[in-house]
N, C-alpha and C. Protein backbone atom coordinates (compact mmCIF):
# COMPACT_ATOMS: atom_id res chain seq x y z
N MET A 1 44.03 32.61 -10.10
CA MET A 1 45.39 32.18 -9.88
C MET A 1 46.28 32.73 -10.98
N ALA A 2 47.48 33.08 -10.61
CA ALA A 2 48.44 33.62 -11.56
C ALA A 2 48.96 32.53 -12.49
N LYS A 3 49.54 32.97 -13.61
CA LYS A 3 50.09 32.04 -14.59
C LYS A 3 51.62 32.06 -14.52
N LEU A 4 52.21 30.91 -14.81
CA LEU A 4 53.65 30.83 -15.03
C LEU A 4 53.84 30.69 -16.53
N ILE A 5 54.57 31.63 -17.10
CA ILE A 5 54.76 31.74 -18.54
C ILE A 5 56.20 31.36 -18.88
N TYR A 6 56.36 30.56 -19.92
CA TYR A 6 57.68 30.29 -20.49
C TYR A 6 57.70 30.94 -21.86
N LEU A 7 58.56 31.93 -22.02
CA LEU A 7 58.70 32.65 -23.27
C LEU A 7 60.13 32.45 -23.75
N ILE A 8 60.29 32.02 -24.99
CA ILE A 8 61.63 31.71 -25.47
C ILE A 8 61.74 32.04 -26.96
N LEU A 9 62.89 32.55 -27.34
CA LEU A 9 63.24 32.73 -28.75
C LEU A 9 64.17 31.60 -29.11
N ALA A 10 63.83 30.86 -30.15
CA ALA A 10 64.61 29.67 -30.50
C ALA A 10 64.85 29.62 -32.00
N SER A 11 65.91 28.93 -32.37
CA SER A 11 66.19 28.68 -33.78
C SER A 11 65.18 27.67 -34.32
N LEU A 12 65.13 27.59 -35.63
CA LEU A 12 64.22 26.64 -36.26
C LEU A 12 64.52 25.20 -35.85
N ASP A 13 65.78 24.92 -35.50
CA ASP A 13 66.13 23.57 -35.07
C ASP A 13 66.09 23.42 -33.55
N GLY A 14 65.49 24.40 -32.84
CA GLY A 14 65.17 24.21 -31.43
C GLY A 14 66.19 24.65 -30.40
N TYR A 15 67.11 25.53 -30.77
CA TYR A 15 68.14 25.98 -29.83
C TYR A 15 67.96 27.44 -29.45
N VAL A 16 68.31 27.78 -28.21
CA VAL A 16 68.25 29.17 -27.76
C VAL A 16 69.63 29.82 -27.80
N ALA A 17 70.66 29.01 -27.85
CA ALA A 17 72.03 29.49 -28.01
C ALA A 17 72.79 28.43 -28.80
N ASP A 18 73.76 28.88 -29.59
CA ASP A 18 74.53 27.92 -30.37
C ASP A 18 75.59 27.24 -29.50
N GLU A 19 76.43 26.42 -30.10
CA GLU A 19 77.41 25.64 -29.35
C GLU A 19 78.44 26.50 -28.62
N ARG A 20 78.62 27.76 -29.05
CA ARG A 20 79.54 28.68 -28.37
C ARG A 20 78.81 29.58 -27.37
N GLY A 21 77.50 29.37 -27.21
CA GLY A 21 76.72 30.18 -26.28
C GLY A 21 76.19 31.46 -26.89
N ASN A 22 76.40 31.67 -28.18
CA ASN A 22 75.92 32.89 -28.85
C ASN A 22 74.43 32.80 -29.15
N PHE A 23 73.77 33.92 -29.03
CA PHE A 23 72.34 33.96 -29.34
C PHE A 23 71.95 35.26 -30.03
N GLU A 24 72.93 36.00 -30.54
CA GLU A 24 72.63 37.28 -31.19
C GLU A 24 71.71 37.10 -32.40
N TRP A 25 71.73 35.93 -33.00
CA TRP A 25 70.86 35.63 -34.14
C TRP A 25 69.38 35.67 -33.75
N ALA A 26 69.09 35.61 -32.47
CA ALA A 26 67.70 35.61 -32.00
C ALA A 26 67.21 37.00 -31.60
N ALA A 27 68.05 38.02 -31.72
CA ALA A 27 67.65 39.37 -31.31
C ALA A 27 66.40 39.79 -32.07
N PRO A 28 65.34 40.13 -31.34
CA PRO A 28 64.09 40.48 -32.03
C PRO A 28 64.15 41.87 -32.66
N ASP A 29 63.48 42.02 -33.79
CA ASP A 29 63.34 43.35 -34.36
C ASP A 29 62.27 44.11 -33.57
N GLU A 30 62.02 45.34 -33.92
CA GLU A 30 61.09 46.19 -33.18
C GLU A 30 59.69 45.58 -33.10
N GLU A 31 59.20 45.04 -34.20
CA GLU A 31 57.85 44.46 -34.24
C GLU A 31 57.73 43.28 -33.27
N VAL A 32 58.69 42.37 -33.32
CA VAL A 32 58.66 41.20 -32.44
C VAL A 32 58.88 41.63 -31.00
N HIS A 33 59.80 42.55 -30.78
CA HIS A 33 60.10 43.01 -29.41
C HIS A 33 58.85 43.62 -28.77
N GLN A 34 58.12 44.43 -29.50
CA GLN A 34 56.92 45.04 -28.93
C GLN A 34 55.86 43.98 -28.63
N PHE A 35 55.76 42.98 -29.48
CA PHE A 35 54.81 41.88 -29.25
C PHE A 35 55.19 41.13 -27.97
N ILE A 36 56.50 40.89 -27.79
CA ILE A 36 56.97 40.24 -26.56
C ILE A 36 56.63 41.11 -25.36
N ASN A 37 56.86 42.41 -25.47
CA ASN A 37 56.54 43.32 -24.37
C ASN A 37 55.08 43.19 -23.95
N ASP A 38 54.19 43.06 -24.91
CA ASP A 38 52.77 42.96 -24.59
C ASP A 38 52.46 41.67 -23.84
N ILE A 39 53.21 40.61 -24.11
CA ILE A 39 53.04 39.37 -23.36
C ILE A 39 53.59 39.52 -21.95
N VAL A 40 54.73 40.18 -21.82
CA VAL A 40 55.43 40.31 -20.54
C VAL A 40 54.80 41.37 -19.64
N ARG A 41 54.06 42.30 -20.19
CA ARG A 41 53.52 43.42 -19.42
C ARG A 41 52.86 43.03 -18.09
N PRO A 42 52.03 42.00 -18.02
CA PRO A 42 51.40 41.67 -16.73
C PRO A 42 52.30 40.90 -15.75
N VAL A 43 53.51 40.56 -16.16
CA VAL A 43 54.41 39.76 -15.33
C VAL A 43 54.97 40.61 -14.20
N GLY A 44 54.85 40.11 -12.98
CA GLY A 44 55.38 40.81 -11.81
C GLY A 44 56.60 40.15 -11.21
N VAL A 45 56.85 38.88 -11.59
CA VAL A 45 57.98 38.13 -11.05
C VAL A 45 58.67 37.40 -12.19
N HIS A 46 60.00 37.59 -12.28
CA HIS A 46 60.81 36.89 -13.27
C HIS A 46 61.66 35.85 -12.54
N LEU A 47 61.62 34.62 -13.01
CA LEU A 47 62.41 33.53 -12.44
C LEU A 47 63.54 33.22 -13.40
N TYR A 48 64.78 33.26 -12.90
CA TYR A 48 65.94 33.04 -13.75
C TYR A 48 66.91 32.06 -13.13
N GLY A 49 67.61 31.32 -13.99
CA GLY A 49 68.82 30.65 -13.58
C GLY A 49 69.95 31.67 -13.64
N ARG A 50 71.12 31.29 -13.17
CA ARG A 50 72.24 32.23 -13.12
C ARG A 50 72.61 32.79 -14.48
N ARG A 51 72.75 31.93 -15.49
CA ARG A 51 73.16 32.42 -16.81
C ARG A 51 72.15 33.38 -17.41
N MET A 52 70.87 33.07 -17.29
CA MET A 52 69.86 33.97 -17.85
C MET A 52 69.85 35.28 -17.08
N TYR A 53 69.99 35.22 -15.76
CA TYR A 53 70.04 36.44 -14.97
C TYR A 53 71.22 37.31 -15.42
N GLU A 54 72.38 36.70 -15.61
CA GLU A 54 73.55 37.47 -16.03
C GLU A 54 73.36 38.08 -17.41
N THR A 55 72.57 37.44 -18.25
CA THR A 55 72.23 38.03 -19.55
C THR A 55 71.27 39.20 -19.38
N MET A 56 70.33 39.08 -18.47
CA MET A 56 69.28 40.09 -18.31
C MET A 56 69.68 41.28 -17.44
N GLU A 57 70.65 41.14 -16.56
CA GLU A 57 70.93 42.20 -15.60
C GLU A 57 71.33 43.53 -16.24
N GLY A 58 71.77 43.52 -17.46
CA GLY A 58 72.10 44.76 -18.15
C GLY A 58 70.92 45.70 -18.33
N TRP A 59 69.71 45.14 -18.29
CA TRP A 59 68.51 45.97 -18.41
C TRP A 59 68.37 46.95 -17.24
N GLU A 60 68.99 46.64 -16.13
CA GLU A 60 68.88 47.48 -14.93
C GLU A 60 69.48 48.87 -15.15
N THR A 61 70.60 48.95 -15.83
CA THR A 61 71.31 50.22 -15.97
C THR A 61 71.40 50.72 -17.41
N MET A 62 70.80 49.99 -18.33
CA MET A 62 70.86 50.37 -19.74
C MET A 62 70.30 51.78 -19.95
N ASP A 63 71.05 52.59 -20.68
CA ASP A 63 70.57 53.91 -21.06
C ASP A 63 69.63 53.71 -22.25
N THR A 64 68.37 53.98 -22.06
CA THR A 64 67.38 53.74 -23.11
C THR A 64 66.99 55.00 -23.87
N ALA A 65 67.65 56.11 -23.58
CA ALA A 65 67.28 57.39 -24.19
C ALA A 65 67.29 57.33 -25.72
N ASP A 66 68.28 56.69 -26.30
CA ASP A 66 68.40 56.65 -27.76
C ASP A 66 68.01 55.29 -28.34
N GLN A 67 67.31 54.50 -27.56
CA GLN A 67 66.92 53.16 -27.99
C GLN A 67 65.54 53.20 -28.66
N PRO A 68 65.23 52.19 -29.46
CA PRO A 68 63.89 52.10 -30.03
C PRO A 68 62.83 52.01 -28.92
N PRO A 69 61.61 52.41 -29.21
CA PRO A 69 60.55 52.40 -28.18
C PRO A 69 60.35 51.05 -27.49
N ALA A 70 60.46 49.95 -28.21
CA ALA A 70 60.24 48.63 -27.60
C ALA A 70 61.30 48.33 -26.55
N VAL A 71 62.52 48.79 -26.76
CA VAL A 71 63.60 48.57 -25.79
C VAL A 71 63.33 49.38 -24.53
N SER A 72 62.98 50.65 -24.69
CA SER A 72 62.65 51.49 -23.54
C SER A 72 61.46 50.94 -22.77
N ASP A 73 60.47 50.47 -23.50
CA ASP A 73 59.27 49.91 -22.90
C ASP A 73 59.61 48.68 -22.07
N PHE A 74 60.45 47.79 -22.62
CA PHE A 74 60.82 46.58 -21.88
C PHE A 74 61.58 46.94 -20.61
N ALA A 75 62.54 47.84 -20.72
CA ALA A 75 63.33 48.23 -19.54
C ALA A 75 62.42 48.81 -18.46
N ALA A 76 61.44 49.61 -18.86
CA ALA A 76 60.52 50.21 -17.89
C ALA A 76 59.66 49.15 -17.20
N MET A 77 59.38 48.06 -17.86
CA MET A 77 58.60 46.97 -17.25
C MET A 77 59.49 46.08 -16.39
N TRP A 78 60.69 45.80 -16.88
CA TRP A 78 61.57 44.83 -16.23
C TRP A 78 62.15 45.36 -14.92
N ARG A 79 62.54 46.60 -14.89
CA ARG A 79 63.22 47.14 -13.71
C ARG A 79 62.40 47.04 -12.43
N PRO A 80 61.13 47.38 -12.42
CA PRO A 80 60.38 47.31 -11.15
C PRO A 80 59.88 45.90 -10.78
N ALA A 81 60.03 44.94 -11.68
CA ALA A 81 59.55 43.58 -11.41
C ALA A 81 60.46 42.90 -10.39
N GLU A 82 59.87 41.98 -9.63
CA GLU A 82 60.66 41.15 -8.72
C GLU A 82 61.40 40.11 -9.55
N LYS A 83 62.63 39.80 -9.13
CA LYS A 83 63.44 38.81 -9.82
C LYS A 83 63.96 37.79 -8.81
N ILE A 84 63.79 36.52 -9.13
CA ILE A 84 64.30 35.44 -8.29
C ILE A 84 65.31 34.67 -9.13
N VAL A 85 66.52 34.56 -8.62
CA VAL A 85 67.60 33.88 -9.34
C VAL A 85 67.90 32.57 -8.63
N TYR A 86 67.78 31.47 -9.35
CA TYR A 86 68.06 30.15 -8.81
C TYR A 86 69.50 29.80 -9.14
N SER A 87 70.37 29.79 -8.11
CA SER A 87 71.78 29.52 -8.34
C SER A 87 72.46 29.05 -7.07
N LYS A 88 73.29 28.05 -7.20
CA LYS A 88 74.11 27.60 -6.08
C LYS A 88 75.43 28.36 -6.04
N ALA A 89 75.83 28.94 -7.17
CA ALA A 89 77.14 29.58 -7.28
C ALA A 89 77.12 31.09 -7.10
N LEU A 90 76.05 31.74 -7.50
CA LEU A 90 75.99 33.21 -7.47
C LEU A 90 76.01 33.70 -6.03
N LYS A 91 76.90 34.64 -5.75
CA LYS A 91 77.05 35.17 -4.38
C LYS A 91 76.23 36.44 -4.15
N THR A 92 76.19 37.31 -5.14
CA THR A 92 75.46 38.57 -5.01
C THR A 92 74.73 38.88 -6.31
N VAL A 93 73.80 39.81 -6.22
CA VAL A 93 73.08 40.29 -7.40
C VAL A 93 73.32 41.78 -7.54
N THR A 94 73.18 42.27 -8.76
CA THR A 94 73.45 43.68 -9.04
C THR A 94 72.18 44.46 -9.35
N THR A 95 71.05 43.80 -9.32
CA THR A 95 69.80 44.46 -9.68
C THR A 95 68.89 44.59 -8.45
N GLU A 96 68.06 45.61 -8.49
CA GLU A 96 67.12 45.82 -7.39
C GLU A 96 65.99 44.80 -7.46
N ARG A 97 65.32 44.62 -6.32
CA ARG A 97 64.18 43.71 -6.20
C ARG A 97 64.53 42.30 -6.67
N THR A 98 65.75 41.87 -6.32
CA THR A 98 66.26 40.57 -6.75
C THR A 98 66.76 39.79 -5.55
N ARG A 99 66.42 38.49 -5.52
CA ARG A 99 66.94 37.63 -4.46
C ARG A 99 67.44 36.34 -5.07
N ILE A 100 68.39 35.74 -4.38
CA ILE A 100 68.96 34.47 -4.80
C ILE A 100 68.31 33.35 -4.00
N VAL A 101 67.92 32.30 -4.68
CA VAL A 101 67.40 31.09 -4.06
C VAL A 101 68.30 29.95 -4.51
N ARG A 102 68.74 29.15 -3.57
CA ARG A 102 69.74 28.10 -3.89
C ARG A 102 69.15 26.88 -4.59
N GLU A 103 67.91 26.53 -4.31
CA GLU A 103 67.30 25.32 -4.89
C GLU A 103 65.92 25.66 -5.46
N PHE A 104 65.60 25.07 -6.59
CA PHE A 104 64.26 25.22 -7.16
C PHE A 104 63.28 24.47 -6.27
N ASP A 105 62.22 25.14 -5.88
CA ASP A 105 61.21 24.55 -5.00
C ASP A 105 59.84 24.74 -5.65
N ALA A 106 59.28 23.65 -6.18
CA ALA A 106 58.00 23.73 -6.87
C ALA A 106 56.89 24.26 -5.96
N ASP A 107 56.93 23.90 -4.69
CA ASP A 107 55.89 24.38 -3.77
C ASP A 107 55.96 25.89 -3.59
N GLU A 108 57.16 26.45 -3.58
CA GLU A 108 57.29 27.91 -3.48
C GLU A 108 56.66 28.58 -4.70
N ILE A 109 56.87 28.00 -5.88
CA ILE A 109 56.28 28.57 -7.10
C ILE A 109 54.77 28.45 -7.04
N ARG A 110 54.26 27.33 -6.57
CA ARG A 110 52.80 27.18 -6.42
C ARG A 110 52.25 28.26 -5.48
N ASP A 111 52.96 28.52 -4.38
CA ASP A 111 52.53 29.56 -3.45
C ASP A 111 52.55 30.94 -4.10
N LEU A 112 53.58 31.21 -4.88
CA LEU A 112 53.65 32.49 -5.59
C LEU A 112 52.51 32.62 -6.59
N LYS A 113 52.20 31.53 -7.30
CA LYS A 113 51.09 31.56 -8.25
C LYS A 113 49.78 31.82 -7.52
N ALA A 114 49.61 31.25 -6.35
CA ALA A 114 48.39 31.46 -5.57
C ALA A 114 48.28 32.91 -5.12
N GLY A 115 49.42 33.60 -5.03
CA GLY A 115 49.43 35.00 -4.64
C GLY A 115 48.89 35.95 -5.69
N GLY A 116 48.73 35.47 -6.91
CA GLY A 116 48.06 36.26 -7.91
C GLY A 116 48.91 37.10 -8.84
N THR A 117 50.23 36.93 -8.85
CA THR A 117 51.08 37.70 -9.75
C THR A 117 51.62 36.79 -10.83
N ASP A 118 51.37 37.15 -12.09
CA ASP A 118 51.91 36.35 -13.19
C ASP A 118 53.43 36.35 -13.12
N MET A 119 54.00 35.21 -13.51
CA MET A 119 55.44 35.03 -13.47
C MET A 119 55.94 34.55 -14.82
N LEU A 120 57.20 34.87 -15.09
CA LEU A 120 57.85 34.42 -16.31
C LEU A 120 59.08 33.63 -15.93
N VAL A 121 59.23 32.44 -16.47
CA VAL A 121 60.43 31.66 -16.22
C VAL A 121 61.34 31.87 -17.43
N GLY A 122 62.55 32.33 -17.17
CA GLY A 122 63.49 32.63 -18.23
C GLY A 122 64.64 31.65 -18.22
N GLY A 123 64.90 31.09 -19.37
CA GLY A 123 66.00 30.15 -19.51
C GLY A 123 65.50 28.73 -19.56
N PRO A 124 65.99 27.94 -20.51
CA PRO A 124 65.47 26.60 -20.72
C PRO A 124 65.77 25.60 -19.61
N THR A 125 66.88 25.73 -18.93
CA THR A 125 67.22 24.76 -17.89
C THR A 125 66.27 24.90 -16.71
N LEU A 126 66.05 26.13 -16.26
CA LEU A 126 65.10 26.36 -15.17
C LEU A 126 63.68 26.05 -15.63
N ALA A 127 63.35 26.43 -16.86
CA ALA A 127 62.01 26.14 -17.38
C ALA A 127 61.73 24.64 -17.40
N ALA A 128 62.75 23.84 -17.73
CA ALA A 128 62.56 22.39 -17.75
C ALA A 128 62.17 21.86 -16.38
N GLN A 129 62.75 22.44 -15.33
CA GLN A 129 62.37 22.03 -13.97
C GLN A 129 60.91 22.39 -13.69
N ALA A 130 60.51 23.58 -14.10
CA ALA A 130 59.12 24.01 -13.89
C ALA A 130 58.16 23.17 -14.72
N ILE A 131 58.56 22.81 -15.93
CA ILE A 131 57.72 21.98 -16.79
C ILE A 131 57.55 20.60 -16.17
N ARG A 132 58.66 20.00 -15.70
CA ARG A 132 58.58 18.67 -15.07
C ARG A 132 57.69 18.70 -13.83
N ALA A 133 57.64 19.84 -13.14
CA ALA A 133 56.81 19.96 -11.93
C ALA A 133 55.36 20.31 -12.27
N GLY A 134 55.05 20.46 -13.56
CA GLY A 134 53.68 20.77 -13.97
C GLY A 134 53.25 22.19 -13.66
N LEU A 135 54.19 23.12 -13.63
CA LEU A 135 53.90 24.49 -13.21
C LEU A 135 53.66 25.47 -14.35
N VAL A 136 54.11 25.15 -15.55
CA VAL A 136 54.01 26.10 -16.66
C VAL A 136 52.61 26.08 -17.25
N ASP A 137 52.01 27.26 -17.31
CA ASP A 137 50.63 27.40 -17.79
C ASP A 137 50.55 27.86 -19.24
N SER A 138 51.62 28.47 -19.74
CA SER A 138 51.56 29.09 -21.04
C SER A 138 52.96 29.09 -21.67
N TYR A 139 53.03 28.62 -22.91
CA TYR A 139 54.30 28.54 -23.64
C TYR A 139 54.23 29.51 -24.80
N HIS A 140 55.17 30.44 -24.85
CA HIS A 140 55.23 31.42 -25.93
C HIS A 140 56.57 31.22 -26.65
N LEU A 141 56.51 30.64 -27.84
CA LEU A 141 57.71 30.34 -28.61
C LEU A 141 57.81 31.30 -29.79
N PHE A 142 58.98 31.87 -29.94
CA PHE A 142 59.28 32.70 -31.09
C PHE A 142 60.37 31.96 -31.87
N ILE A 143 59.99 31.42 -33.03
CA ILE A 143 60.90 30.61 -33.83
C ILE A 143 61.55 31.52 -34.87
N VAL A 144 62.87 31.64 -34.76
CA VAL A 144 63.65 32.48 -35.65
C VAL A 144 64.09 31.64 -36.84
N SER A 145 64.06 32.22 -38.02
CA SER A 145 64.37 31.47 -39.24
C SER A 145 65.88 31.30 -39.43
N THR A 146 66.48 30.61 -38.47
CA THR A 146 67.91 30.33 -38.47
C THR A 146 68.12 28.90 -37.97
N LEU A 147 69.04 28.20 -38.58
CA LEU A 147 69.48 26.89 -38.09
C LEU A 147 70.85 27.09 -37.46
N VAL A 148 71.03 26.64 -36.23
CA VAL A 148 72.33 26.81 -35.58
C VAL A 148 73.09 25.49 -35.40
N GLY A 149 72.42 24.36 -35.55
CA GLY A 149 73.09 23.07 -35.59
C GLY A 149 73.43 22.43 -34.26
N GLY A 150 73.29 23.15 -33.16
CA GLY A 150 73.59 22.57 -31.86
C GLY A 150 73.73 23.66 -30.83
N GLY A 151 73.74 23.26 -29.57
CA GLY A 151 73.88 24.23 -28.49
C GLY A 151 72.91 23.92 -27.36
N LEU A 152 72.35 24.95 -26.78
CA LEU A 152 71.41 24.82 -25.67
C LEU A 152 70.00 24.72 -26.22
N ARG A 153 69.36 23.59 -25.95
CA ARG A 153 68.01 23.34 -26.47
C ARG A 153 66.96 24.17 -25.73
N ALA A 154 65.89 24.50 -26.41
CA ALA A 154 64.81 25.28 -25.82
C ALA A 154 64.04 24.48 -24.76
N PHE A 155 64.04 23.15 -24.90
CA PHE A 155 63.33 22.27 -23.97
C PHE A 155 64.23 21.10 -23.56
N PRO A 156 65.29 21.38 -22.79
CA PRO A 156 66.18 20.28 -22.41
C PRO A 156 65.54 19.35 -21.38
N ASN A 157 65.54 18.08 -21.68
CA ASN A 157 65.04 17.06 -20.75
C ASN A 157 63.61 17.33 -20.28
N ALA A 158 62.83 17.95 -21.11
CA ALA A 158 61.43 18.18 -20.75
C ALA A 158 60.64 16.88 -20.96
N PRO A 159 59.63 16.66 -20.16
CA PRO A 159 58.82 15.45 -20.33
C PRO A 159 57.89 15.59 -21.53
N ARG A 160 57.33 14.50 -21.96
CA ARG A 160 56.32 14.58 -23.02
C ARG A 160 55.10 15.31 -22.47
N LEU A 161 54.63 16.26 -23.24
CA LEU A 161 53.42 17.01 -22.91
C LEU A 161 52.59 17.19 -24.17
N ASP A 162 51.31 17.00 -24.06
CA ASP A 162 50.42 17.31 -25.16
C ASP A 162 49.93 18.73 -24.94
N LEU A 163 50.19 19.58 -25.92
CA LEU A 163 49.85 21.00 -25.79
C LEU A 163 48.81 21.38 -26.83
N ALA A 164 48.06 22.42 -26.51
CA ALA A 164 47.05 22.94 -27.42
C ALA A 164 47.52 24.28 -27.98
N LEU A 165 47.51 24.38 -29.31
CA LEU A 165 47.89 25.63 -29.96
C LEU A 165 46.78 26.66 -29.77
N ARG A 166 47.12 27.80 -29.19
CA ARG A 166 46.13 28.85 -28.91
C ARG A 166 46.22 30.03 -29.86
N GLU A 167 47.43 30.28 -30.37
CA GLU A 167 47.61 31.45 -31.23
C GLU A 167 48.87 31.23 -32.06
N GLN A 168 48.87 31.81 -33.25
CA GLN A 168 50.05 31.77 -34.10
C GLN A 168 50.12 33.06 -34.90
N ARG A 169 51.34 33.45 -35.24
CA ARG A 169 51.51 34.69 -36.00
C ARG A 169 52.86 34.64 -36.71
N ARG A 170 52.89 35.16 -37.91
CA ARG A 170 54.13 35.31 -38.66
C ARG A 170 54.46 36.79 -38.72
N PHE A 171 55.71 37.12 -38.41
CA PHE A 171 56.16 38.51 -38.45
C PHE A 171 56.90 38.78 -39.75
N GLY A 172 57.01 40.05 -40.10
CA GLY A 172 57.69 40.46 -41.33
C GLY A 172 59.12 39.96 -41.41
N SER A 173 59.78 39.79 -40.27
CA SER A 173 61.17 39.32 -40.23
C SER A 173 61.30 37.83 -40.55
N GLY A 174 60.18 37.12 -40.59
CA GLY A 174 60.20 35.68 -40.77
C GLY A 174 60.08 34.91 -39.47
N THR A 175 60.17 35.61 -38.34
CA THR A 175 59.96 34.97 -37.04
C THR A 175 58.51 34.51 -36.95
N VAL A 176 58.32 33.34 -36.39
CA VAL A 176 56.98 32.78 -36.22
C VAL A 176 56.71 32.66 -34.72
N TYR A 177 55.53 33.11 -34.30
CA TYR A 177 55.11 33.04 -32.90
C TYR A 177 54.10 31.91 -32.75
N LEU A 178 54.29 31.09 -31.73
CA LEU A 178 53.37 30.01 -31.40
C LEU A 178 53.07 30.07 -29.90
N HIS A 179 51.79 30.09 -29.56
CA HIS A 179 51.37 30.12 -28.16
C HIS A 179 50.62 28.82 -27.88
N TYR A 180 51.11 28.11 -26.87
CA TYR A 180 50.51 26.83 -26.46
C TYR A 180 50.15 26.86 -24.98
N THR A 181 49.17 26.07 -24.63
CA THR A 181 48.85 25.81 -23.23
C THR A 181 48.76 24.29 -23.04
N PRO A 182 48.95 23.82 -21.83
CA PRO A 182 48.84 22.37 -21.60
C PRO A 182 47.46 21.83 -21.99
N GLY A 183 47.49 20.62 -22.58
CA GLY A 183 46.29 19.88 -22.93
C GLY A 183 45.25 20.66 -23.57
């Protein structure tokens, strides 16, 4: 069975964006970006809420010719992947292999997992729905050594879960990686 992965870059105080919606402080350096790429490589389906999709859609047309290798590598993986955007407001999408779904349906995600393609849930609001439904198999947290003081939490309204630490790593930039699985 495929896995549903939640991968998030968060501040030390647990936010993915500050109170103004900024998240540039979380931009990974080359070392962290390549590590993220290696986690994302087997993912065939990306699940996004509208805001996360609008953040990610730039990868579709980004000119990667003069970009660092990790950026080019990510774009090459992301473009051919299927993307599902959960939104009641979004009317159209600008990226290929993308469809809009109006309501989160846990049974649909279970069916997709049974199909054998690893999936990544992007964005904390959508991830919280998947977590509450017991669908997330793997949590990959990248903790950036920044305090932002408020904003969008990495785990908004998530239920209590006991997780097992599977892997940890400290990067030269000070970012810390933590990989957890349920129970």
